[in-house]
Amino acid sequence: DKIRISTDYSVLKDAQLVIEAATENLDLKLKVLQQIAAQVSDECVIASNTSSLSITQLAASVSAPERFIGLHFFNPVPVMGLIEV
């Protein structure tokens, strides 16, 4: 109930954590991260689900890189298996 998925960046204004999961294309990720950073509060943590791009380079594209983290999900999903919580 606490996880929301949207393509409308304006819904991010009250988010505490935003996870970017665009494809491994640097230009695309930079564009998405800048759009996210323009909408979130100063307290929001922005995470990137990158597996091959530089977290330092991605973090440098947002206004508060100290609140930027790398978060890697394994891919493809069928290989991961199912974990129930």
PDB file of N, CA and C in Angstrom:
ATOM      1  N   ASP A   1       0.815  -1.206   0.000  1.00  0.00           N
ATOM      2  CA  ASP A   1       0.000   0.000   0.000  1.00  0.00           C
ATOM      3  C   ASP A   1       0.854   1.263   0.000  1.00  0.00           C
ATOM      4  N   LYS A   2       2.114   1.152   0.407  1.00  0.00           N
ATOM      5  CA  LYS A   2       2.958   2.340   0.500  1.00  0.00           C
ATOM      6  C   LYS A   2       3.831   2.546  -0.732  1.00  0.00           C
ATOM      7  N   ILE A   3       3.747   1.650  -1.693  1.00  0.00           N
ATOM      8  CA  ILE A   3       4.521   1.780  -2.920  1.00  0.00           C
ATOM      9  C   ILE A   3       3.593   2.242  -4.026  1.00  0.00           C
ATOM     10  N   ARG A   4       3.995   3.322  -4.710  1.00  0.00           N
ATOM     11  CA  ARG A   4       3.205   3.849  -5.819  1.00  0.00           C
ATOM     12  C   ARG A   4       4.054   3.835  -7.075  1.00  0.00           C
ATOM     13  N   ILE A   5       3.438   3.500  -8.176  1.00  0.00           N
ATOM     14  CA  ILE A   5       4.093   3.514  -9.476  1.00  0.00           C
ATOM     15  C   ILE A   5       3.374   4.540 -10.335  1.00  0.00           C
ATOM     16  N   SER A   6       4.150   5.402 -10.999  1.00  0.00           N
ATOM     17  CA  SER A   6       3.535   6.433 -11.829  1.00  0.00           C
ATOM     18  C   SER A   6       4.504   6.896 -12.903  1.00  0.00           C
ATOM     19  N   THR A   7       3.952   7.437 -13.972  1.00  0.00           N
ATOM     20  CA  THR A   7       4.759   8.099 -14.996  1.00  0.00           C
ATOM     21  C   THR A   7       4.616   9.614 -14.889  1.00  0.00           C
ATOM     22  N   ASP A   8       3.842  10.082 -13.921  1.00  0.00           N
ATOM     23  CA  ASP A   8       3.619  11.512 -13.680  1.00  0.00           C
ATOM     24  C   ASP A   8       4.579  11.972 -12.575  1.00  0.00           C
ATOM     25  N   TYR A   9       5.588  12.719 -12.948  1.00  0.00           N
ATOM     26  CA  TYR A   9       6.612  13.137 -11.991  1.00  0.00           C
ATOM     27  C   TYR A   9       6.075  14.026 -10.870  1.00  0.00           C
ATOM     28  N   SER A  10       4.960  14.682 -11.070  1.00  0.00           N
ATOM     29  CA  SER A  10       4.428  15.577 -10.035  1.00  0.00           C
ATOM     30  C   SER A  10       3.977  14.826  -8.788  1.00  0.00           C
ATOM     31  N   VAL A  11       3.715  13.523  -8.887  1.00  0.00           N
ATOM     32  CA  VAL A  11       3.303  12.758  -7.704  1.00  0.00           C
ATOM     33  C   VAL A  11       4.470  12.531  -6.742  1.00  0.00           C
ATOM     34  N   LEU A  12       5.660  12.904  -7.131  1.00  0.00           N
ATOM     35  CA  LEU A  12       6.853  12.672  -6.317  1.00  0.00           C
ATOM     36  C   LEU A  12       7.086  13.720  -5.240  1.00  0.00           C
ATOM     37  N   LYS A  13       6.291  14.770  -5.214  1.00  0.00           N
ATOM     38  CA  LYS A  13       6.567  15.901  -4.316  1.00  0.00           C
ATOM     39  C   LYS A  13       6.627  15.513  -2.840  1.00  0.00           C
ATOM     40  N   ASP A  14       5.912  14.494  -2.413  1.00  0.00           N
ATOM     41  CA  ASP A  14       5.913  14.087  -1.005  1.00  0.00           C
ATOM     42  C   ASP A  14       6.657  12.767  -0.759  1.00  0.00           C
ATOM     43  N   ALA A  15       7.320  12.263  -1.775  1.00  0.00           N
ATOM     44  CA  ALA A  15       8.000  10.968  -1.641  1.00  0.00           C
ATOM     45  C   ALA A  15       9.220  11.070  -0.726  1.00  0.00           C
ATOM     46  N   GLN A  16       9.461  10.007   0.010  1.00  0.00           N
ATOM     47  CA  GLN A  16      10.656   9.918   0.851  1.00  0.00           C
ATOM     48  C   GLN A  16      11.775   9.178   0.122  1.00  0.00           C
ATOM     49  N   LEU A  17      11.399   8.315  -0.823  1.00  0.00           N
ATOM     50  CA  LEU A  17      12.347   7.539  -1.611  1.00  0.00           C
ATOM     51  C   LEU A  17      11.782   7.359  -3.011  1.00  0.00           C
ATOM     52  N   VAL A  18      12.612   7.639  -4.015  1.00  0.00           N
ATOM     53  CA  VAL A  18      12.223   7.404  -5.401  1.00  0.00           C
ATOM     54  C   VAL A  18      13.286   6.507  -6.023  1.00  0.00           C
ATOM     55  N   ILE A  19      12.842   5.443  -6.679  1.00  0.00           N
ATOM     56  CA  ILE A  19      13.755   4.513  -7.334  1.00  0.00           C
ATOM     57  C   ILE A  19      13.607   4.653  -8.842  1.00  0.00           C
ATOM     58  N   GLU A  20      14.666   5.083  -9.485  1.00  0.00           N
ATOM     59  CA  GLU A  20      14.697   5.184 -10.952  1.00  0.00           C
ATOM     60  C   GLU A  20      15.093   3.820 -11.494  1.00  0.00           C
ATOM     61  N   ALA A  21      14.351   3.330 -12.483  1.00  0.00           N
ATOM     62  CA  ALA A  21      14.640   2.009 -13.049  1.00  0.00           C
ATOM     63  C   ALA A  21      14.572   2.033 -14.571  1.00  0.00           C
ATOM     64  N   ALA A  22      15.079   3.103 -15.173  1.00  0.00           N
ATOM     65  CA  ALA A  22      15.130   3.193 -16.639  1.00  0.00           C
ATOM     66  C   ALA A  22      16.183   2.222 -17.167  1.00  0.00           C
ATOM     67  N   THR A  23      16.131   1.937 -18.455  1.00  0.00           N
ATOM     68  CA  THR A  23      17.113   1.039 -19.060  1.00  0.00           C
ATOM     69  C   THR A  23      18.524   1.609 -18.928  1.00  0.00           C
ATOM     70  N   GLU A  24      19.518   0.773 -19.103  1.00  0.00           N
ATOM     71  CA  GLU A  24      20.927   1.151 -18.921  1.00  0.00           C
ATOM     72  C   GLU A  24      21.423   2.033 -20.066  1.00  0.00           C
ATOM     73  N   ASN A  25      20.834   3.188 -20.184  1.00  0.00           N
ATOM     74  CA  ASN A  25      21.210   4.181 -21.185  1.00  0.00           C
ATOM     75  C   ASN A  25      21.520   5.461 -20.421  1.00  0.00           C
ATOM     76  N   LEU A  26      22.768   5.903 -20.439  1.00  0.00           N
ATOM     77  CA  LEU A  26      23.191   7.032 -19.618  1.00  0.00           C
ATOM     78  C   LEU A  26      22.366   8.279 -19.881  1.00  0.00           C
ATOM     79  N   ASP A  27      22.175   8.647 -21.135  1.00  0.00           N
ATOM     80  CA  ASP A  27      21.417   9.867 -21.442  1.00  0.00           C
ATOM     81  C   ASP A  27      19.984   9.782 -20.920  1.00  0.00           C
ATOM     82  N   LEU A  28      19.358   8.624 -21.086  1.00  0.00           N
ATOM     83  CA  LEU A  28      17.992   8.448 -20.601  1.00  0.00           C
ATOM     84  C   LEU A  28      17.946   8.550 -19.078  1.00  0.00           C
ATOM     85  N   LYS A  29      18.854   7.851 -18.399  1.00  0.00           N
ATOM     86  CA  LYS A  29      18.873   7.906 -16.935  1.00  0.00           C
ATOM     87  C   LYS A  29      19.107   9.328 -16.436  1.00  0.00           C
ATOM     88  N   LEU A  30      20.027  10.051 -17.052  1.00  0.00           N
ATOM     89  CA  LEU A  30      20.296  11.429 -16.631  1.00  0.00           C
ATOM     90  C   LEU A  30      19.050  12.296 -16.798  1.00  0.00           C
ATOM     91  N   LYS A  31      18.345  12.117 -17.899  1.00  0.00           N
ATOM     92  CA  LYS A  31      17.112  12.879 -18.139  1.00  0.00           C
ATOM     93  C   LYS A  31      16.052  12.557 -17.084  1.00  0.00           C
ATOM     94  N   VAL A  32      15.850  11.276 -16.824  1.00  0.00           N
ATOM     95  CA  VAL A  32      14.854  10.855 -15.836  1.00  0.00           C
ATOM     96  C   VAL A  32      15.238  11.360 -14.442  1.00  0.00           C
ATOM     97  N   LEU A  33      16.502  11.227 -14.076  1.00  0.00           N
ATOM     98  CA  LEU A  33      16.945  11.673 -12.746  1.00  0.00           C
ATOM     99  C   LEU A  33      16.781  13.173 -12.558  1.00  0.00           C
ATOM    100  N   GLN A  34      17.047  13.937 -13.584  1.00  0.00           N
ATOM    101  CA  GLN A  34      16.859  15.385 -13.488  1.00  0.00           C
ATOM    102  C   GLN A  34      15.382  15.739 -13.338  1.00  0.00           C
ATOM    103  N   GLN A  35      14.515  15.004 -14.017  1.00  0.00           N
ATOM    104  CA  GLN A  35      13.078  15.230 -13.872  1.00  0.00           C
ATOM    105  C   GLN A  35      12.606  14.851 -12.470  1.00  0.00           C
ATOM    106  N   ILE A  36      13.145  13.781 -11.932  1.00  0.00           N
ATOM    107  CA  ILE A  36      12.807  13.370 -10.566  1.00  0.00           C
ATOM    108  C   ILE A  36      13.273  14.437  -9.584  1.00  0.00           C
ATOM    109  N   ALA A  37      14.533  14.842  -9.697  1.00  0.00           N
ATOM    110  CA  ALA A  37      15.116  15.815  -8.770  1.00  0.00           C
ATOM    111  C   ALA A  37      14.353  17.137  -8.776  1.00  0.00           C
ATOM    112  N   ALA A  38      13.780  17.497  -9.897  1.00  0.00           N
ATOM    113  CA  ALA A  38      13.021  18.749  -9.993  1.00  0.00           C
ATOM    114  C   ALA A  38      11.708  18.693  -9.222  1.00  0.00           C
ATOM    115  N   GLN A  39      11.237  17.503  -8.897  1.00  0.00           N
ATOM    116  CA  GLN A  39       9.932  17.348  -8.250  1.00  0.00           C
ATOM    117  C   GLN A  39       9.998  17.010  -6.764  1.00  0.00           C
ATOM    118  N   VAL A  40      11.065  16.359  -6.326  1.00  0.00           N
ATOM    119  CA  VAL A  40      11.099  15.839  -4.955  1.00  0.00           C
ATOM    120  C   VAL A  40      11.526  16.901  -3.942  1.00  0.00           C
ATOM    121  N   SER A  41      11.265  16.605  -2.674  1.00  0.00           N
ATOM    122  CA  SER A  41      11.651  17.507  -1.591  1.00  0.00           C
ATOM    123  C   SER A  41      13.142  17.377  -1.304  1.00  0.00           C
ATOM    124  N   ASP A  42      13.648  18.266  -0.474  1.00  0.00           N
ATOM    125  CA  ASP A  42      15.063  18.248  -0.104  1.00  0.00           C
ATOM    126  C   ASP A  42      15.425  17.039   0.755  1.00  0.00           C
ATOM    127  N   GLU A  43      14.442  16.355   1.311  1.00  0.00           N
ATOM    128  CA  GLU A  43      14.695  15.195   2.170  1.00  0.00           C
ATOM    129  C   GLU A  43      14.604  13.865   1.429  1.00  0.00           C
ATOM    130  N   CYS A  44      14.110  13.880   0.225  1.00  0.00           N
ATOM    131  CA  CYS A  44      13.895  12.648  -0.530  1.00  0.00           C
ATOM    132  C   CYS A  44      15.214  12.011  -0.958  1.00  0.00           C
ATOM    133  N   VAL A  45      15.310  10.698  -0.783  1.00  0.00           N
ATOM    134  CA  VAL A  45      16.450   9.931  -1.274  1.00  0.00           C
ATOM    135  C   VAL A  45      16.108   9.451  -2.676  1.00  0.00           C
ATOM    136  N   ILE A  46      17.042   9.651  -3.599  1.00  0.00           N
ATOM    137  CA  ILE A  46      16.860   9.183  -4.975  1.00  0.00           C
ATOM    138  C   ILE A  46      17.804   8.004  -5.182  1.00  0.00           C
ATOM    139  N   ALA A  47      17.249   6.901  -5.670  1.00  0.00           N
ATOM    140  CA  ALA A  47      18.042   5.700  -5.924  1.00  0.00           C
ATOM    141  C   ALA A  47      18.003   5.374  -7.410  1.00  0.00           C
ATOM    142  N   SER A  48      19.114   4.837  -7.911  1.00  0.00           N
ATOM    143  CA  SER A  48      19.157   4.372  -9.284  1.00  0.00           C
ATOM    144  C   SER A  48      19.357   2.867  -9.294  1.00  0.00           C
ATOM    145  N   ASN A  49      18.596   2.202 -10.121  1.00  0.00           N
ATOM    146  CA  ASN A  49      18.711   0.761 -10.278  1.00  0.00           C
ATOM    147  C   ASN A  49      19.648   0.465 -11.454  1.00  0.00           C
ATOM    148  N   THR A  50      20.870   0.952 -11.344  1.00  0.00           N
ATOM    149  CA  THR A  50      21.828   0.698 -12.410  1.00  0.00           C
ATOM    150  C   THR A  50      22.726  -0.476 -12.050  1.00  0.00           C
ATOM    151  N   SER A  51      23.149  -1.188 -13.067  1.00  0.00           N
ATOM    152  CA  SER A  51      24.083  -2.292 -12.839  1.00  0.00           C
ATOM    153  C   SER A  51      25.404  -2.053 -13.553  1.00  0.00           C
ATOM    154  N   SER A  52      25.463  -1.029 -14.411  1.00  0.00           N
ATOM    155  CA  SER A  52      26.683  -0.847 -15.191  1.00  0.00           C
ATOM    156  C   SER A  52      27.153   0.602 -15.295  1.00  0.00           C
ATOM    157  N   LEU A  53      26.324   1.551 -14.897  1.00  0.00           N
ATOM    158  CA  LEU A  53      26.697   2.966 -15.015  1.00  0.00           C
ATOM    159  C   LEU A  53      27.263   3.478 -13.698  1.00  0.00           C
ATOM    160  N   SER A  54      28.055   4.515 -13.781  1.00  0.00           N
ATOM    161  CA  SER A  54      28.700   5.086 -12.606  1.00  0.00           C
ATOM    162  C   SER A  54      27.694   5.797 -11.700  1.00  0.00           C
ATOM    163  N   ILE A  55      27.610   5.329 -10.455  1.00  0.00           N
ATOM    164  CA  ILE A  55      26.733   5.982  -9.472  1.00  0.00           C
ATOM    165  C   ILE A  55      27.210   7.410  -9.235  1.00  0.00           C
ATOM    166  N   THR A  56      28.520   7.615  -9.206  1.00  0.00           N
ATOM    167  CA  THR A  56      29.073   8.958  -8.994  1.00  0.00           C
ATOM    168  C   THR A  56      28.637   9.893 -10.112  1.00  0.00           C
ATOM    169  N   GLN A  57      28.689   9.430 -11.349  1.00  0.00           N
ATOM    170  CA  GLN A  57      28.268  10.257 -12.480  1.00  0.00           C
ATOM    171  C   GLN A  57      26.771  10.543 -12.429  1.00  0.00           C
ATOM    172  N   LEU A  58      25.981   9.553 -12.077  1.00  0.00           N
ATOM    173  CA  LEU A  58      24.539   9.761 -11.975  1.00  0.00           C
ATOM    174  C   LEU A  58      24.211  10.726 -10.834  1.00  0.00           C
ATOM    175  N   ALA A  59      24.869  10.541  -9.692  1.00  0.00           N
ATOM    176  CA  ALA A  59      24.628  11.403  -8.532  1.00  0.00           C
ATOM    177  C   ALA A  59      24.972  12.852  -8.845  1.00  0.00           C
ATOM    178  N   ALA A  60      25.991  13.064  -9.642  1.00  0.00           N
ATOM    179  CA  ALA A  60      26.407  14.426  -9.987  1.00  0.00           C
ATOM    180  C   ALA A  60      25.364  15.155 -10.818  1.00  0.00           C
ATOM    181  N   SER A  61      24.398  14.436 -11.361  1.00  0.00           N
ATOM    182  CA  SER A  61      23.382  15.067 -12.208  1.00  0.00           C
ATOM    183  C   SER A  61      22.211  15.643 -11.415  1.00  0.00           C
ATOM    184  N   VAL A  62      22.153  15.373 -10.109  1.00  0.00           N
ATOM    185  CA  VAL A  62      21.058  15.892  -9.284  1.00  0.00           C
ATOM    186  C   VAL A  62      21.578  16.963  -8.346  1.00  0.00           C
ATOM    187  N   SER A  63      20.675  17.764  -7.812  1.00  0.00           N
ATOM    188  CA  SER A  63      21.074  18.907  -6.993  1.00  0.00           C
ATOM    189  C   SER A  63      21.642  18.538  -5.632  1.00  0.00           C
ATOM    190  N   ALA A  64      21.321  17.371  -5.110  1.00  0.00           N
ATOM    191  CA  ALA A  64      21.819  16.958  -3.797  1.00  0.00           C
ATOM    192  C   ALA A  64      22.401  15.550  -3.893  1.00  0.00           C
ATOM    193  N   PRO A  65      23.598  15.409  -4.451  1.00  0.00           N
ATOM    194  CA  PRO A  65      24.168  14.075  -4.663  1.00  0.00           C
ATOM    195  C   PRO A  65      24.389  13.288  -3.379  1.00  0.00           C
ATOM    196  N   GLU A  66      24.432  13.959  -2.236  1.00  0.00           N
ATOM    197  CA  GLU A  66      24.605  13.239  -0.966  1.00  0.00           C
ATOM    198  C   GLU A  66      23.366  12.420  -0.603  1.00  0.00           C
ATOM    199  N   ARG A  67      22.258  12.667  -1.266  1.00  0.00           N
ATOM    200  CA  ARG A  67      21.032  11.897  -1.027  1.00  0.00           C
ATOM    201  C   ARG A  67      20.760  10.900  -2.156  1.00  0.00           C
ATOM    202  N   PHE A  68      21.798  10.553  -2.902  1.00  0.00           N
ATOM    203  CA  PHE A  68      21.670   9.657  -4.049  1.00  0.00           C
ATOM    204  C   PHE A  68      22.338   8.325  -3.716  1.00  0.00           C
ATOM    205  N   ILE A  69      21.666   7.225  -4.038  1.00  0.00           N
ATOM    206  CA  ILE A  69      22.241   5.902  -3.763  1.00  0.00           C
ATOM    207  C   ILE A  69      22.075   4.988  -4.972  1.00  0.00           C
ATOM    208  N   GLY A  70      22.914   3.982  -5.018  1.00  0.00           N
ATOM    209  CA  GLY A  70      22.777   2.936  -6.022  1.00  0.00           C
ATOM    210  C   GLY A  70      21.995   1.780  -5.429  1.00  0.00           C
ATOM    211  N   LEU A  71      21.102   1.220  -6.198  1.00  0.00           N
ATOM    212  CA  LEU A  71      20.262   0.115  -5.744  1.00  0.00           C
ATOM    213  C   LEU A  71      20.119  -0.832  -6.921  1.00  0.00           C
ATOM    214  N   HIS A  72      20.621  -2.043  -6.791  1.00  0.00           N
ATOM    215  CA  HIS A  72      20.626  -2.951  -7.934  1.00  0.00           C
ATOM    216  C   HIS A  72      19.660  -4.110  -7.724  1.00  0.00           C
ATOM    217  N   PHE A  73      18.736  -4.260  -8.656  1.00  0.00           N
ATOM    218  CA  PHE A  73      17.837  -5.410  -8.686  1.00  0.00           C
ATOM    219  C   PHE A  73      18.420  -6.379  -9.699  1.00  0.00           C
ATOM    220  N   PHE A  74      18.386  -7.652  -9.418  1.00  0.00           N
ATOM    221  CA  PHE A  74      18.884  -8.621 -10.379  1.00  0.00           C
ATOM    222  C   PHE A  74      17.908  -8.747 -11.535  1.00  0.00           C
ATOM    223  N   ASN A  75      18.431  -9.049 -12.695  1.00  0.00           N
ATOM    224  CA  ASN A  75      17.637  -9.147 -13.893  1.00  0.00           C
ATOM    225  C   ASN A  75      18.161 -10.343 -14.685  1.00  0.00           C
ATOM    226  N   PRO A  76      17.396 -11.152 -15.307  1.00  0.00           N
ATOM    227  CA  PRO A  76      15.954 -11.086 -15.444  1.00  0.00           C
ATOM    228  C   PRO A  76      15.225 -11.642 -14.210  1.00  0.00           C
ATOM    229  N   VAL A  77      14.019 -11.162 -14.025  1.00  0.00           N
ATOM    230  CA  VAL A  77      13.224 -11.536 -12.859  1.00  0.00           C
ATOM    231  C   VAL A  77      12.998 -13.038 -12.724  1.00  0.00           C
ATOM    232  N   PRO A  78      12.719 -13.784 -13.798  1.00  0.00           N
ATOM    233  CA  PRO A  78      12.490 -15.224 -13.632  1.00  0.00           C
ATOM    234  C   PRO A  78      13.662 -15.961 -12.989  1.00  0.00           C
ATOM    235  N   VAL A  79      14.863 -15.448 -13.116  1.00  0.00           N
ATOM    236  CA  VAL A  79      16.026 -16.089 -12.530  1.00  0.00           C
ATOM    237  C   VAL A  79      16.068 -15.853 -11.013  1.00  0.00           C
ATOM    238  N   MET A  80      15.477 -14.760 -10.574  1.00  0.00           N
ATOM    239  CA  MET A  80      15.508 -14.396  -9.162  1.00  0.00           C
ATOM    240  C   MET A  80      14.689 -15.321  -8.291  1.00  0.00           C
ATOM    241  N   GLY A  81      13.594 -15.844  -8.809  1.00  0.00           N
ATOM    242  CA  GLY A  81      12.684 -16.631  -7.985  1.00  0.00           C
ATOM    243  C   GLY A  81      11.699 -15.728  -7.281  1.00  0.00           C
ATOM    244  N   LEU A  82      10.861 -16.295  -6.472  1.00  0.00           N
ATOM    245  CA  LEU A  82       9.819 -15.546  -5.792  1.00  0.00           C
ATOM    246  C   LEU A  82      10.101 -15.550  -4.302  1.00  0.00           C
ATOM    247  N   ILE A  83      10.048 -14.396  -3.693  1.00  0.00           N
ATOM    248  CA  ILE A  83      10.235 -14.273  -2.250  1.00  0.00           C
ATOM    249  C   ILE A  83       8.952 -13.700  -1.668  1.00  0.00           C
ATOM    250  N   GLU A  84       8.351 -14.416  -0.742  1.00  0.00           N
ATOM    251  CA  GLU A  84       7.141 -13.925  -0.111  1.00  0.00           C
ATOM    252  C   GLU A  84       7.497 -13.330   1.237  1.00  0.00           C
ATOM    253  N   VAL A  85       6.875 -12.208   1.546  1.00  0.00           N
ATOM    254  CA  VAL A  85       7.134 -11.522   2.810  1.00  0.00           C
ATOM    255  C   VAL A  85       5.889 -11.549   3.656  1.00  0.00           C
TER     256      VAL A  85
END
